[in-house]
Amino acid sequence: MPRPQGFTYEHRGDGTVAITHRGRSAGTLRGPRAEKFLAEVESGEEQLVMARWTGAYKFGNERTARNHPRNRR
Protein backbone atom coordinates (compact mmCIF):
# COMPACT_ATOMS: atom_id res chain seq x y z
CA MET A 1 0.00 0.00 0.00
CA PRO A 2 1.48 3.38 -0.93
CA ARG A 3 2.21 5.91 1.77
CA PRO A 4 -0.27 8.83 2.02
CA GLN A 5 0.87 12.05 0.41
CA GLY A 6 -0.48 15.45 -0.53
CA PHE A 7 -1.69 16.46 2.94
CA THR A 8 -0.91 19.86 4.46
CA TYR A 9 -2.16 21.61 7.55
CA GLU A 10 -2.40 25.20 8.70
CA HIS A 11 -2.44 26.22 12.35
CA ARG A 12 -4.52 29.39 12.46
CA GLY A 13 -4.35 32.19 14.98
CA ASP A 14 -7.70 31.36 16.57
CA GLY A 15 -6.46 27.87 17.52
CA THR A 16 -8.10 25.93 14.71
CA VAL A 17 -6.22 23.59 12.41
CA ALA A 18 -7.26 23.30 8.77
CA ILE A 19 -6.17 20.12 6.97
CA THR A 20 -6.13 20.00 3.18
CA HIS A 21 -5.47 17.17 0.76
CA ARG A 22 -4.13 18.21 -2.64
CA GLY A 23 -5.52 21.70 -2.20
CA ARG A 24 -9.03 20.67 -1.11
CA SER A 25 -10.35 20.94 2.42
CA ALA A 26 -10.21 17.61 4.26
CA GLY A 27 -11.14 18.74 7.76
CA THR A 28 -11.02 21.41 10.44
CA LEU A 29 -10.11 20.73 14.05
CA ARG A 30 -10.88 23.01 17.00
CA GLY A 31 -10.13 23.14 20.70
CA PRO A 32 -8.70 20.08 22.44
CA ARG A 33 -8.85 17.99 19.24
CA ALA A 34 -6.64 20.55 17.46
CA GLU A 35 -4.13 20.49 20.32
CA LYS A 36 -4.04 16.70 20.35
CA PHE A 37 -3.57 16.62 16.56
CA LEU A 38 -0.67 19.11 16.70
CA ALA A 39 1.08 17.08 19.39
CA GLU A 40 0.66 13.87 17.36
CA VAL A 41 1.74 15.38 14.05
CA GLU A 42 4.94 16.75 15.60
CA SER A 43 5.91 13.37 17.06
CA GLY A 44 5.08 11.10 14.13
CA GLU A 45 4.86 10.67 10.39
CA GLU A 46 2.98 13.82 9.31
CA GLN A 47 1.30 12.45 6.18
CA LEU A 48 0.08 9.29 7.91
CA VAL A 49 -1.21 11.22 10.92
CA MET A 50 -3.17 13.64 8.73
CA ALA A 51 -4.60 10.77 6.68
CA ARG A 52 -5.79 9.02 9.84
CA TRP A 53 -7.31 12.16 11.36
CA THR A 54 -9.25 13.00 8.20
CA GLY A 55 -10.27 9.44 7.38
CA ALA A 56 -8.93 10.01 3.85
CA TYR A 57 -6.73 6.99 3.48
CA LYS A 58 -7.04 3.75 1.56
CA PHE A 59 -7.22 0.32 3.12
CA GLY A 60 -5.68 -1.44 0.13
CA ASN A 61 -8.61 -3.66 -0.84
CA GLU A 62 -10.65 -1.23 -2.97
CA ARG A 63 -9.64 -2.74 -6.31
CA THR A 64 -10.33 -6.28 -5.10
CA ALA A 65 -13.73 -5.28 -3.74
CA ARG A 66 -14.66 -3.39 -6.91
CA ASN A 67 -13.92 -6.45 -9.06
CA HIS A 68 -15.86 -8.89 -6.87
CA PRO A 69 -18.85 -10.42 -8.75
CA ARG A 70 -21.28 -9.25 -6.08
CA ASN A 71 -20.25 -5.61 -6.66
CA ARG A 72 -20.46 -5.71 -10.45
CA ARG A 73 -23.73 -4.37 -11.80
PDB file of N, CA and C in Angstrom:
ATOM      1  N   MET A   1       0.848  -1.165   0.000  1.00  0.00           N
ATOM      2  CA  MET A   1       0.000   0.000   0.000  1.00  0.00           C
ATOM      3  C   MET A   1       0.899   1.235   0.000  1.00  0.00           C
ATOM      4  N   PRO A   2       0.641   2.182  -0.887  1.00  0.00           N
ATOM      5  CA  PRO A   2       1.484   3.379  -0.931  1.00  0.00           C
ATOM      6  C   PRO A   2       1.254   4.270   0.287  1.00  0.00           C
ATOM      7  N   ARG A   3       2.299   4.988   0.636  1.00  0.00           N
ATOM      8  CA  ARG A   3       2.210   5.915   1.770  1.00  0.00           C
ATOM      9  C   ARG A   3       1.322   7.097   1.388  1.00  0.00           C
ATOM     10  N   PRO A   4       0.546   7.653   2.322  1.00  0.00           N
ATOM     11  CA  PRO A   4      -0.274   8.826   2.016  1.00  0.00           C
ATOM     12  C   PRO A   4       0.619  10.010   1.659  1.00  0.00           C
ATOM     13  N   GLN A   5       0.137  10.845   0.761  1.00  0.00           N
ATOM     14  CA  GLN A   5       0.871  12.046   0.414  1.00  0.00           C
ATOM     15  C   GLN A   5      -0.099  13.112  -0.059  1.00  0.00           C
ATOM     16  N   GLY A   6       0.353  14.350  -0.074  1.00  0.00           N
ATOM     17  CA  GLY A   6      -0.478  15.453  -0.535  1.00  0.00           C
ATOM     18  C   GLY A   6      -1.224  16.181   0.569  1.00  0.00           C
ATOM     19  N   PHE A   7      -1.013  15.805   1.823  1.00  0.00           N
ATOM     20  CA  PHE A   7      -1.689  16.463   2.936  1.00  0.00           C
ATOM     21  C   PHE A   7      -0.863  17.648   3.432  1.00  0.00           C
ATOM     22  N   THR A   8      -1.542  18.717   3.796  1.00  0.00           N
ATOM     23  CA  THR A   8      -0.909  19.864   4.456  1.00  0.00           C
ATOM     24  C   THR A   8      -1.856  20.334   5.557  1.00  0.00           C
ATOM     25  N   TYR A   9      -1.303  21.042   6.518  1.00  0.00           N
ATOM     26  CA  TYR A   9      -2.157  21.613   7.553  1.00  0.00           C
ATOM     27  C   TYR A   9      -1.710  23.031   7.851  1.00  0.00           C
ATOM     28  N   GLU A  10      -2.663  23.811   8.348  1.00  0.00           N
ATOM     29  CA  GLU A  10      -2.402  25.203   8.698  1.00  0.00           C
ATOM     30  C   GLU A  10      -2.932  25.441  10.105  1.00  0.00           C
ATOM     31  N   HIS A  11      -2.045  25.879  10.989  1.00  0.00           N
ATOM     32  CA  HIS A  11      -2.441  26.217  12.353  1.00  0.00           C
ATOM     33  C   HIS A  11      -2.788  27.697  12.353  1.00  0.00           C
ATOM     34  N   ARG A  12      -4.041  28.008  12.541  1.00  0.00           N
ATOM     35  CA  ARG A  12      -4.522  29.389  12.464  1.00  0.00           C
ATOM     36  C   ARG A  12      -4.421  30.082  13.816  1.00  0.00           C
ATOM     37  N   GLY A  13      -4.492  31.383  13.777  1.00  0.00           N
ATOM     38  CA  GLY A  13      -4.348  32.195  14.976  1.00  0.00           C
ATOM     39  C   GLY A  13      -5.430  31.980  16.018  1.00  0.00           C
ATOM     40  N   ASP A  14      -6.614  31.571  15.611  1.00  0.00           N
ATOM     41  CA  ASP A  14      -7.702  31.357  16.568  1.00  0.00           C
ATOM     42  C   ASP A  14      -7.659  29.970  17.203  1.00  0.00           C
ATOM     43  N   GLY A  15      -6.617  29.187  16.903  1.00  0.00           N
ATOM     44  CA  GLY A  15      -6.458  27.874  17.519  1.00  0.00           C
ATOM     45  C   GLY A  15      -6.970  26.726  16.682  1.00  0.00           C
ATOM     46  N   THR A  16      -7.614  27.006  15.565  1.00  0.00           N
ATOM     47  CA  THR A  16      -8.099  25.928  14.713  1.00  0.00           C
ATOM     48  C   THR A  16      -6.979  25.418  13.807  1.00  0.00           C
ATOM     49  N   VAL A  17      -7.158  24.204  13.346  1.00  0.00           N
ATOM     50  CA  VAL A  17      -6.217  23.593  12.410  1.00  0.00           C
ATOM     51  C   VAL A  17      -7.022  23.161  11.191  1.00  0.00           C
ATOM     52  N   ALA A  18      -6.611  23.662  10.025  1.00  0.00           N
ATOM     53  CA  ALA A  18      -7.263  23.297   8.770  1.00  0.00           C
ATOM     54  C   ALA A  18      -6.365  22.310   8.039  1.00  0.00           C
ATOM     55  N   ILE A  19      -6.918  21.148   7.688  1.00  0.00           N
ATOM     56  CA  ILE A  19      -6.171  20.123   6.971  1.00  0.00           C
ATOM     57  C   ILE A  19      -6.684  20.080   5.534  1.00  0.00           C
ATOM     58  N   THR A  20      -5.751  20.093   4.584  1.00  0.00           N
ATOM     59  CA  THR A  20      -6.126  19.998   3.178  1.00  0.00           C
ATOM     60  C   THR A  20      -5.425  18.808   2.548  1.00  0.00           C
ATOM     61  N   HIS A  21      -6.062  18.270   1.517  1.00  0.00           N
ATOM     62  CA  HIS A  21      -5.471  17.167   0.758  1.00  0.00           C
ATOM     63  C   HIS A  21      -5.496  17.574  -0.707  1.00  0.00           C
ATOM     64  N   ARG A  22      -4.299  17.762  -1.255  1.00  0.00           N
ATOM     65  CA  ARG A  22      -4.132  18.205  -2.640  1.00  0.00           C
ATOM     66  C   ARG A  22      -4.942  19.458  -2.928  1.00  0.00           C
ATOM     67  N   GLY A  23      -4.884  20.400  -2.008  1.00  0.00           N
ATOM     68  CA  GLY A  23      -5.524  21.696  -2.197  1.00  0.00           C
ATOM     69  C   GLY A  23      -6.989  21.776  -1.829  1.00  0.00           C
ATOM     70  N   ARG A  24      -7.609  20.668  -1.481  1.00  0.00           N
ATOM     71  CA  ARG A  24      -9.033  20.665  -1.113  1.00  0.00           C
ATOM     72  C   ARG A  24      -9.172  20.414   0.379  1.00  0.00           C
ATOM     73  N   SER A  25     -10.133  21.066   0.981  1.00  0.00           N
ATOM     74  CA  SER A  25     -10.348  20.939   2.415  1.00  0.00           C
ATOM     75  C   SER A  25     -10.681  19.496   2.786  1.00  0.00           C
ATOM     76  N   ALA A  26      -9.972  18.985   3.799  1.00  0.00           N
ATOM     77  CA  ALA A  26     -10.215  17.614   4.260  1.00  0.00           C
ATOM     78  C   ALA A  26     -10.751  17.591   5.682  1.00  0.00           C
ATOM     79  N   GLY A  27     -10.624  18.700   6.403  1.00  0.00           N
ATOM     80  CA  GLY A  27     -11.143  18.745   7.763  1.00  0.00           C
ATOM     81  C   GLY A  27     -10.648  19.945   8.523  1.00  0.00           C
ATOM     82  N   THR A  28     -11.385  20.318   9.552  1.00  0.00           N
ATOM     83  CA  THR A  28     -11.022  21.411  10.438  1.00  0.00           C
ATOM     84  C   THR A  28     -11.155  20.928  11.865  1.00  0.00           C
ATOM     85  N   LEU A  29     -10.119  21.161  12.647  1.00  0.00           N
ATOM     86  CA  LEU A  29     -10.112  20.733  14.049  1.00  0.00           C
ATOM     87  C   LEU A  29     -10.084  21.956  14.943  1.00  0.00           C
ATOM     88  N   ARG A  30     -10.804  21.897  16.056  1.00  0.00           N
ATOM     89  CA  ARG A  30     -10.877  23.013  16.996  1.00  0.00           C
ATOM     90  C   ARG A  30     -10.662  22.510  18.419  1.00  0.00           C
ATOM     91  N   GLY A  31     -10.237  23.417  19.275  1.00  0.00           N
ATOM     92  CA  GLY A  31     -10.131  23.139  20.696  1.00  0.00           C
ATOM     93  C   GLY A  31      -9.165  22.025  21.048  1.00  0.00           C
ATOM     94  N   PRO A  32      -9.590  21.154  21.972  1.00  0.00           N
ATOM     95  CA  PRO A  32      -8.704  20.079  22.439  1.00  0.00           C
ATOM     96  C   PRO A  32      -8.298  19.103  21.329  1.00  0.00           C
ATOM     97  N   ARG A  33      -9.191  18.890  20.351  1.00  0.00           N
ATOM     98  CA  ARG A  33      -8.851  17.992  19.244  1.00  0.00           C
ATOM     99  C   ARG A  33      -7.711  18.576  18.417  1.00  0.00           C
ATOM    100  N   ALA A  34      -7.716  19.896  18.208  1.00  0.00           N
ATOM    101  CA  ALA A  34      -6.638  20.547  17.456  1.00  0.00           C
ATOM    102  C   ALA A  34      -5.317  20.423  18.201  1.00  0.00           C
ATOM    103  N   GLU A  35      -5.347  20.611  19.514  1.00  0.00           N
ATOM    104  CA  GLU A  35      -4.128  20.494  20.318  1.00  0.00           C
ATOM    105  C   GLU A  35      -3.575  19.070  20.275  1.00  0.00           C
ATOM    106  N   LYS A  36      -4.462  18.095  20.384  1.00  0.00           N
ATOM    107  CA  LYS A  36      -4.036  16.699  20.348  1.00  0.00           C
ATOM    108  C   LYS A  36      -3.446  16.361  18.973  1.00  0.00           C
ATOM    109  N   PHE A  37      -4.084  16.849  17.909  1.00  0.00           N
ATOM    110  CA  PHE A  37      -3.573  16.624  16.560  1.00  0.00           C
ATOM    111  C   PHE A  37      -2.175  17.216  16.397  1.00  0.00           C
ATOM    112  N   LEU A  38      -1.970  18.454  16.846  1.00  0.00           N
ATOM    113  CA  LEU A  38      -0.669  19.107  16.703  1.00  0.00           C
ATOM    114  C   LEU A  38       0.425  18.345  17.449  1.00  0.00           C
ATOM    115  N   ALA A  39       0.097  17.855  18.638  1.00  0.00           N
ATOM    116  CA  ALA A  39       1.081  17.078  19.391  1.00  0.00           C
ATOM    117  C   ALA A  39       1.429  15.786  18.655  1.00  0.00           C
ATOM    118  N   GLU A  40       0.426  15.134  18.066  1.00  0.00           N
ATOM    119  CA  GLU A  40       0.662  13.873  17.365  1.00  0.00           C
ATOM    120  C   GLU A  40       1.414  14.082  16.057  1.00  0.00           C
ATOM    121  N   VAL A  41       1.092  15.148  15.340  1.00  0.00           N
ATOM    122  CA  VAL A  41       1.736  15.377  14.047  1.00  0.00           C
ATOM    123  C   VAL A  41       3.213  15.755  14.227  1.00  0.00           C
ATOM    124  N   GLU A  42       3.547  16.378  15.339  1.00  0.00           N
ATOM    125  CA  GLU A  42       4.939  16.746  15.604  1.00  0.00           C
ATOM    126  C   GLU A  42       5.776  15.536  15.996  1.00  0.00           C
ATOM    127  N   SER A  43       5.152  14.523  16.572  1.00  0.00           N
ATOM    128  CA  SER A  43       5.909  13.374  17.057  1.00  0.00           C
ATOM    129  C   SER A  43       5.926  12.193  16.095  1.00  0.00           C
ATOM    130  N   GLY A  44       5.164  12.261  15.006  1.00  0.00           N
ATOM    131  CA  GLY A  44       5.084  11.100  14.128  1.00  0.00           C
ATOM    132  C   GLY A  44       5.201  11.457  12.666  1.00  0.00           C
ATOM    133  N   GLU A  45       4.867  10.511  11.845  1.00  0.00           N
ATOM    134  CA  GLU A  45       4.864  10.673  10.395  1.00  0.00           C
ATOM    135  C   GLU A  45       3.704  11.595  10.011  1.00  0.00           C
ATOM    136  N   GLU A  46       4.012  12.814   9.551  1.00  0.00           N
ATOM    137  CA  GLU A  46       2.985  13.824   9.306  1.00  0.00           C
ATOM    138  C   GLU A  46       1.900  13.366   8.347  1.00  0.00           C
ATOM    139  N   GLN A  47       2.278  12.826   7.188  1.00  0.00           N
ATOM    140  CA  GLN A  47       1.298  12.445   6.184  1.00  0.00           C
ATOM    141  C   GLN A  47       0.359  11.354   6.694  1.00  0.00           C
ATOM    142  N   LEU A  48       0.900  10.377   7.382  1.00  0.00           N
ATOM    143  CA  LEU A  48       0.084   9.285   7.906  1.00  0.00           C
ATOM    144  C   LEU A  48      -0.862   9.783   8.996  1.00  0.00           C
ATOM    145  N   VAL A  49      -0.377  10.662   9.853  1.00  0.00           N
ATOM    146  CA  VAL A  49      -1.215  11.215  10.924  1.00  0.00           C
ATOM    147  C   VAL A  49      -2.378  12.004  10.329  1.00  0.00           C
ATOM    148  N   MET A  50      -2.092  12.851   9.343  1.00  0.00           N
ATOM    149  CA  MET A  50      -3.167  13.642   8.729  1.00  0.00           C
ATOM    150  C   MET A  50      -4.158  12.751   8.001  1.00  0.00           C
ATOM    151  N   ALA A  51      -3.691  11.702   7.363  1.00  0.00           N
ATOM    152  CA  ALA A  51      -4.596  10.767   6.682  1.00  0.00           C
ATOM    153  C   ALA A  51      -5.516  10.085   7.685  1.00  0.00           C
ATOM    154  N   ARG A  52      -4.965   9.676   8.821  1.00  0.00           N
ATOM    155  CA  ARG A  52      -5.794   9.019   9.841  1.00  0.00           C
ATOM    156  C   ARG A  52      -6.817   9.980  10.430  1.00  0.00           C
ATOM    157  N   TRP A  53      -6.408  11.198  10.728  1.00  0.00           N
ATOM    158  CA  TRP A  53      -7.309  12.158  11.355  1.00  0.00           C
ATOM    159  C   TRP A  53      -8.437  12.584  10.425  1.00  0.00           C
ATOM    160  N   THR A  54      -8.208  12.589   9.133  1.00  0.00           N
ATOM    161  CA  THR A  54      -9.255  12.997   8.201  1.00  0.00           C
ATOM    162  C   THR A  54     -10.066  11.825   7.700  1.00  0.00           C
ATOM    163  N   GLY A  55      -9.567  10.607   7.891  1.00  0.00           N
ATOM    164  CA  GLY A  55     -10.267   9.440   7.376  1.00  0.00           C
ATOM    165  C   GLY A  55     -10.075   9.272   5.882  1.00  0.00           C
ATOM    166  N   ALA A  56      -9.148  10.027   5.299  1.00  0.00           N
ATOM    167  CA  ALA A  56      -8.930  10.013   3.850  1.00  0.00           C
ATOM    168  C   ALA A  56      -7.738   9.138   3.496  1.00  0.00           C
ATOM    169  N   TYR A  57      -7.814   7.885   3.832  1.00  0.00           N
ATOM    170  CA  TYR A  57      -6.733   6.986   3.478  1.00  0.00           C
ATOM    171  C   TYR A  57      -7.329   5.676   2.976  1.00  0.00           C
ATOM    172  N   LYS A  58      -6.573   4.987   2.185  1.00  0.00           N
ATOM    173  CA  LYS A  58      -7.043   3.751   1.563  1.00  0.00           C
ATOM    174  C   LYS A  58      -6.669   2.552   2.436  1.00  0.00           C
ATOM    175  N   PHE A  59      -7.474   1.536   2.361  1.00  0.00           N
ATOM    176  CA  PHE A  59      -7.223   0.324   3.123  1.00  0.00           C
ATOM    177  C   PHE A  59      -6.493  -0.725   2.298  1.00  0.00           C
ATOM    178  N   GLY A  60      -6.420  -0.538   0.981  1.00  0.00           N
ATOM    179  CA  GLY A  60      -5.678  -1.443   0.133  1.00  0.00           C
ATOM    180  C   GLY A  60      -6.514  -2.502  -0.556  1.00  0.00           C
ATOM    181  N   ASN A  61      -7.798  -2.602  -0.237  1.00  0.00           N
ATOM    182  CA  ASN A  61      -8.613  -3.656  -0.836  1.00  0.00           C
ATOM    183  C   ASN A  61      -9.689  -3.098  -1.767  1.00  0.00           C
ATOM    184  N   GLU A  62      -9.602  -1.832  -2.145  1.00  0.00           N
ATOM    185  CA  GLU A  62     -10.646  -1.231  -2.972  1.00  0.00           C
ATOM    186  C   GLU A  62     -10.750  -1.888  -4.339  1.00  0.00           C
ATOM    187  N   ARG A  63      -9.610  -2.142  -4.981  1.00  0.00           N
ATOM    188  CA  ARG A  63      -9.643  -2.736  -6.306  1.00  0.00           C
ATOM    189  C   ARG A  63     -10.209  -4.145  -6.250  1.00  0.00           C
ATOM    190  N   THR A  64      -9.823  -4.921  -5.254  1.00  0.00           N
ATOM    191  CA  THR A  64     -10.334  -6.278  -5.101  1.00  0.00           C
ATOM    192  C   THR A  64     -11.839  -6.258  -4.874  1.00  0.00           C
ATOM    193  N   ALA A  65     -12.301  -5.365  -4.037  1.00  0.00           N
ATOM    194  CA  ALA A  65     -13.728  -5.281  -3.745  1.00  0.00           C
ATOM    195  C   ALA A  65     -14.518  -4.821  -4.968  1.00  0.00           C
ATOM    196  N   ARG A  66     -13.964  -3.896  -5.731  1.00  0.00           N
ATOM    197  CA  ARG A  66     -14.663  -3.392  -6.909  1.00  0.00           C
ATOM    198  C   ARG A  66     -14.832  -4.487  -7.954  1.00  0.00           C
ATOM    199  N   ASN A  67     -13.877  -5.390  -8.058  1.00  0.00           N
ATOM    200  CA  ASN A  67     -13.924  -6.448  -9.060  1.00  0.00           C
ATOM    201  C   ASN A  67     -14.665  -7.696  -8.604  1.00  0.00           C
ATOM    202  N   HIS A  68     -15.144  -7.719  -7.380  1.00  0.00           N
ATOM    203  CA  HIS A  68     -15.863  -8.885  -6.869  1.00  0.00           C
ATOM    204  C   HIS A  68     -17.199  -9.010  -7.624  1.00  0.00           C
ATOM    205  N   PRO A  69     -17.609 -10.231  -7.987  1.00  0.00           N
ATOM    206  CA  PRO A  69     -18.848 -10.418  -8.747  1.00  0.00           C
ATOM    207  C   PRO A  69     -20.083  -9.802  -8.079  1.00  0.00           C
ATOM    208  N   ARG A  70     -20.130  -9.816  -6.782  1.00  0.00           N
ATOM    209  CA  ARG A  70     -21.284  -9.252  -6.083  1.00  0.00           C
ATOM    210  C   ARG A  70     -21.385  -7.739  -6.286  1.00  0.00           C
ATOM    211  N   ASN A  71     -20.254  -7.068  -6.513  1.00  0.00           N
ATOM    212  CA  ASN A  71     -20.249  -5.613  -6.665  1.00  0.00           C
ATOM    213  C   ASN A  71     -20.303  -5.157  -8.108  1.00  0.00           C
ATOM    214  N   ARG A  72     -20.384  -6.074  -9.048  1.00  0.00           N
ATOM    215  CA  ARG A  72     -20.459  -5.715 -10.452  1.00  0.00           C
ATOM    216  C   ARG A  72     -21.929  -5.650 -10.870  1.00  0.00           C
ATOM    217  N   ARG A  73     -22.327  -4.532 -11.351  1.00  0.00           N
ATOM    218  CA  ARG A  73     -23.726  -4.375 -11.797  1.00  0.00           C
ATOM    219  C   ARG A  73     -23.766  -3.535 -13.024  1.00  0.00           C
TER     220      ARG A  73
END
